[in-house]
Amino acid sequence: MRRKNEAAQPCIRPEQPDPALERVREKVRTCIQCGTCTGSCPNAFAMDATPRKLWRLVLMGQSREIFESHTFALCSDCYCCTLRCPRGLALTDAMADLKQIAAAEKHGGDAACTAFYRAFLQSARRYGRVQETRLMARYLAVMTPRRPLMPFRFSGLGMQMIKKGKISLRRPGGARNLEGIFAKIESGRDGQ
């Protein structure tokens, strides 16, 4: 029996603390692991790690497991977890921080999600609103080298939506440049 105990390896090995995760760790440091965030989350059924488990991984400094999961990419920013958290933690903000860290540090996360978010922000920044046809064109252009047949899967749906008037090929009216707003956001982020 003693040999078995000596040969046992710990299932969780602490990693070197990731300095980028420190901001997220501070936001969830007082988490009591009650599971209210998971119970409140409308997307929890699709997540490979529940929000409660993700916060535990953050507190334990398990950055590899955090960025291998798709949990933060599936967060829809609905704020249900933040509103219902008995500790009043800014959980949605912590999820947003994880998304930013994953994109900035190019973690092996979901490339499709990252490509979509970038195309979405680029469209909003340039036109003042999201123009669906340009958004999908940019997204599919980025994804085509990885998945060459992907655009053809959506062609039938796209044609039906154009016929029904759900999406338009023309540029929407009233579009304006939001560069000033994005500049303020960037300057505020640098000041933190």
Protein backbone atom coordinates (compact mmCIF):
# COMPACT_ATOMS: atom_id res chain seq x y z
CA MET A 1 0.00 0.00 0.00
CA ARG A 2 2.81 2.37 0.88
CA ARG A 3 4.44 1.88 -2.53
CA LYS A 4 1.20 2.81 -4.24
CA ASN A 5 1.03 6.04 -2.25
CA GLU A 6 4.63 6.93 -3.06
CA ALA A 7 4.11 6.22 -6.77
CA ALA A 8 0.97 8.35 -6.94
CA GLN A 9 1.26 11.49 -9.05
CA PRO A 10 -0.77 14.60 -8.33
CA CYS A 11 -3.58 15.05 -10.85
CA ILE A 12 -3.20 18.84 -10.81
CA ARG A 13 0.25 20.29 -11.10
CA PRO A 14 0.51 24.00 -10.36
CA GLU A 15 1.93 25.91 -13.30
CA GLN A 16 3.96 29.09 -13.21
CA PRO A 17 1.41 31.86 -12.58
CA ASP A 18 0.41 33.53 -15.82
CA PRO A 19 0.69 37.32 -15.32
CA ALA A 20 -2.01 37.91 -17.94
CA LEU A 21 -4.48 35.93 -15.84
CA GLU A 22 -3.85 38.01 -12.72
CA ARG A 23 -6.53 40.57 -13.69
CA VAL A 24 -9.08 37.76 -14.10
CA ARG A 25 -7.93 36.06 -10.91
CA GLU A 26 -8.55 39.28 -8.96
CA LYS A 27 -12.13 39.44 -10.29
CA VAL A 28 -12.97 35.90 -9.16
CA ARG A 29 -10.73 35.60 -6.10
CA THR A 30 -13.69 35.62 -3.65
CA CYS A 31 -15.73 33.05 -5.62
CA ILE A 32 -17.38 30.58 -3.22
CA GLN A 33 -17.96 27.95 -5.94
CA CYS A 34 -21.72 27.92 -5.39
CA GLY A 35 -22.54 27.21 -9.05
CA THR A 36 -25.07 30.02 -9.47
CA CYS A 37 -23.16 31.25 -12.52
CA THR A 38 -23.46 27.84 -14.18
CA GLY A 39 -27.14 27.52 -13.26
CA SER A 40 -27.84 31.00 -14.65
CA CYS A 41 -25.89 30.61 -17.90
CA PRO A 42 -28.09 29.99 -20.96
CA ASN A 43 -25.08 28.53 -22.83
CA ALA A 44 -23.76 26.23 -20.09
CA PHE A 45 -25.18 23.16 -21.83
CA ALA A 46 -22.77 23.71 -24.75
CA MET A 47 -19.66 24.49 -22.69
CA ASP A 48 -16.99 21.85 -22.17
CA ALA A 49 -16.13 23.35 -18.76
CA THR A 50 -18.87 25.02 -16.75
CA PRO A 51 -18.32 28.63 -15.67
CA ARG A 52 -17.87 27.45 -12.05
CA LYS A 53 -15.16 25.03 -13.14
CA LEU A 54 -13.52 27.73 -15.27
CA TRP A 55 -13.28 30.07 -12.25
CA ARG A 56 -11.71 27.25 -10.26
CA LEU A 57 -9.13 26.73 -13.02
CA VAL A 58 -8.39 30.47 -13.01
CA LEU A 59 -7.86 30.45 -9.25
CA MET A 60 -5.58 27.42 -9.54
CA GLY A 61 -3.59 29.04 -12.35
CA GLN A 62 -4.29 26.28 -14.88
CA SER A 63 -3.86 28.43 -17.99
CA ARG A 64 -3.44 25.49 -20.38
CA GLU A 65 -6.83 24.01 -19.39
CA ILE A 66 -8.47 27.44 -19.43
CA PHE A 67 -7.42 28.26 -22.98
CA GLU A 68 -8.07 24.74 -24.27
CA SER A 69 -11.71 25.05 -23.21
CA HIS A 70 -14.31 26.84 -25.32
CA THR A 71 -16.24 28.15 -22.33
CA PHE A 72 -15.24 31.82 -22.56
CA ALA A 73 -15.74 31.81 -26.35
CA LEU A 74 -19.34 30.64 -25.87
CA CYS A 75 -20.18 33.37 -23.36
CA SER A 76 -22.90 35.56 -24.87
CA ASP A 77 -22.31 38.48 -22.46
CA CYS A 78 -25.88 38.31 -21.16
CA TYR A 79 -24.77 39.22 -17.59
CA CYS A 80 -27.07 36.63 -15.97
CA CYS A 81 -24.13 35.21 -13.99
CA THR A 82 -23.01 38.65 -12.85
CA LEU A 83 -26.53 39.68 -11.79
CA ARG A 84 -27.20 36.49 -9.85
CA CYS A 85 -23.78 35.97 -8.25
CA PRO A 86 -24.27 36.07 -4.44
CA ARG A 87 -20.78 37.63 -4.09
CA GLY A 88 -21.49 40.30 -6.73
CA LEU A 89 -18.49 39.29 -8.85
CA ALA A 90 -17.99 40.77 -12.33
CA LEU A 91 -18.03 37.36 -14.02
CA THR A 92 -19.04 38.57 -17.49
CA ASP A 93 -16.15 41.04 -17.41
CA ALA A 94 -13.82 38.20 -16.41
CA MET A 95 -15.05 36.17 -19.42
CA ALA A 96 -14.42 39.18 -21.68
CA ASP A 97 -10.89 39.48 -20.25
CA LEU A 98 -10.26 35.81 -21.05
CA LYS A 99 -11.42 36.39 -24.64
CA GLN A 100 -9.04 39.33 -24.96
CA ILE A 101 -6.12 37.40 -23.49
CA ALA A 102 -6.76 34.45 -25.80
CA ALA A 103 -6.88 36.71 -28.86
CA ALA A 104 -3.86 38.82 -27.87
CA GLU A 105 -1.64 35.90 -26.93
CA LYS A 106 -2.89 33.71 -29.77
CA HIS A 107 -3.71 30.78 -27.52
CA GLY A 108 -4.77 27.65 -29.33
CA GLY A 109 -8.44 28.44 -28.73
CA ASP A 110 -11.16 28.40 -31.31
CA ALA A 111 -9.81 30.09 -34.46
CA ALA A 112 -13.30 30.32 -35.95
CA CYS A 113 -14.61 32.32 -32.95
CA THR A 114 -11.62 34.65 -33.02
CA ALA A 115 -12.00 35.21 -36.78
CA PHE A 116 -15.71 35.95 -36.37
CA TYR A 117 -15.17 38.45 -33.52
CA ARG A 118 -12.48 40.27 -35.50
CA ALA A 119 -14.66 40.45 -38.62
CA PHE A 120 -17.60 41.67 -36.52
CA LEU A 121 -15.59 44.45 -34.85
CA GLN A 122 -13.99 45.46 -38.13
CA SER A 123 -17.43 45.85 -39.73
CA ALA A 124 -18.83 47.83 -36.77
CA ARG A 125 -15.76 50.03 -36.63
CA ARG A 126 -15.80 50.82 -40.35
CA TYR A 127 -19.53 51.18 -41.08
CA GLY A 128 -21.01 52.10 -37.71
CA ARG A 129 -23.12 48.95 -37.79
CA VAL A 130 -22.71 45.37 -38.84
CA GLN A 131 -23.31 44.77 -42.51
CA GLU A 132 -24.08 41.06 -42.72
CA THR A 133 -22.83 40.44 -46.26
CA ARG A 134 -19.44 42.06 -45.63
CA LEU A 135 -19.17 40.37 -42.24
CA MET A 136 -19.71 36.93 -43.74
CA ALA A 137 -17.44 37.68 -46.72
CA ARG A 138 -14.57 38.65 -44.40
CA TYR A 139 -15.20 35.72 -42.08
CA LEU A 140 -15.34 33.19 -44.90
CA ALA A 141 -12.22 34.69 -46.50
CA VAL A 142 -10.31 34.07 -43.27
CA MET A 143 -11.75 30.59 -42.76
CA THR A 144 -11.45 29.34 -46.38
CA PRO A 145 -7.73 28.40 -46.18
CA ARG A 146 -8.47 26.26 -43.12
CA ARG A 147 -11.76 24.85 -44.43
CA PRO A 148 -11.94 25.26 -48.23
CA LEU A 149 -15.50 23.96 -48.62
CA MET A 150 -16.98 26.08 -45.83
CA PRO A 151 -18.35 28.93 -48.05
CA PHE A 152 -20.29 26.47 -50.22
CA ARG A 153 -22.13 25.10 -47.19
CA PHE A 154 -23.77 28.51 -46.65
CA SER A 155 -24.45 29.53 -50.26
CA GLY A 156 -28.00 28.10 -50.38
CA LEU A 157 -28.97 29.78 -47.12
CA GLY A 158 -27.45 33.08 -48.27
CA MET A 159 -29.42 33.06 -51.52
CA GLN A 160 -32.68 32.33 -49.67
CA MET A 161 -32.03 35.20 -47.25
CA ILE A 162 -31.31 37.62 -50.11
CA LYS A 163 -34.52 36.54 -51.93
CA LYS A 164 -36.60 37.08 -48.78
CA GLY A 165 -35.01 40.47 -48.12
CA LYS A 166 -33.45 39.38 -44.84
CA ILE A 167 -30.01 40.61 -45.94
CA SER A 168 -29.14 43.23 -48.48
CA LEU A 169 -26.18 43.58 -50.80
CA ARG A 170 -26.39 47.37 -50.59
CA ARG A 171 -24.60 49.39 -47.96
CA PRO A 172 -27.02 50.37 -45.15
CA GLY A 173 -28.01 54.01 -44.83
CA GLY A 174 -26.96 56.10 -41.88
CA ALA A 175 -23.64 54.35 -41.49
CA ARG A 176 -21.05 56.39 -39.68
CA ASN A 177 -17.50 55.86 -38.61
CA LEU A 178 -17.08 54.91 -34.96
CA GLU A 179 -13.33 55.45 -34.90
CA GLY A 180 -13.66 58.10 -32.16
CA ILE A 181 -15.50 55.71 -29.85
CA PHE A 182 -12.97 52.94 -30.46
CA ALA A 183 -10.12 55.41 -29.80
CA LYS A 184 -11.67 56.31 -26.41
CA ILE A 185 -12.03 52.63 -25.55
CA GLU A 186 -8.40 51.98 -26.45
CA SER A 187 -7.16 54.98 -24.47
CA GLY A 188 -9.22 53.89 -21.45
CA ARG A 189 -7.82 50.37 -21.67
CA ASP A 190 -4.24 51.71 -21.75
CA GLY A 191 -4.93 53.74 -18.60
CA GLN A 192 -5.91 50.65 -16.54
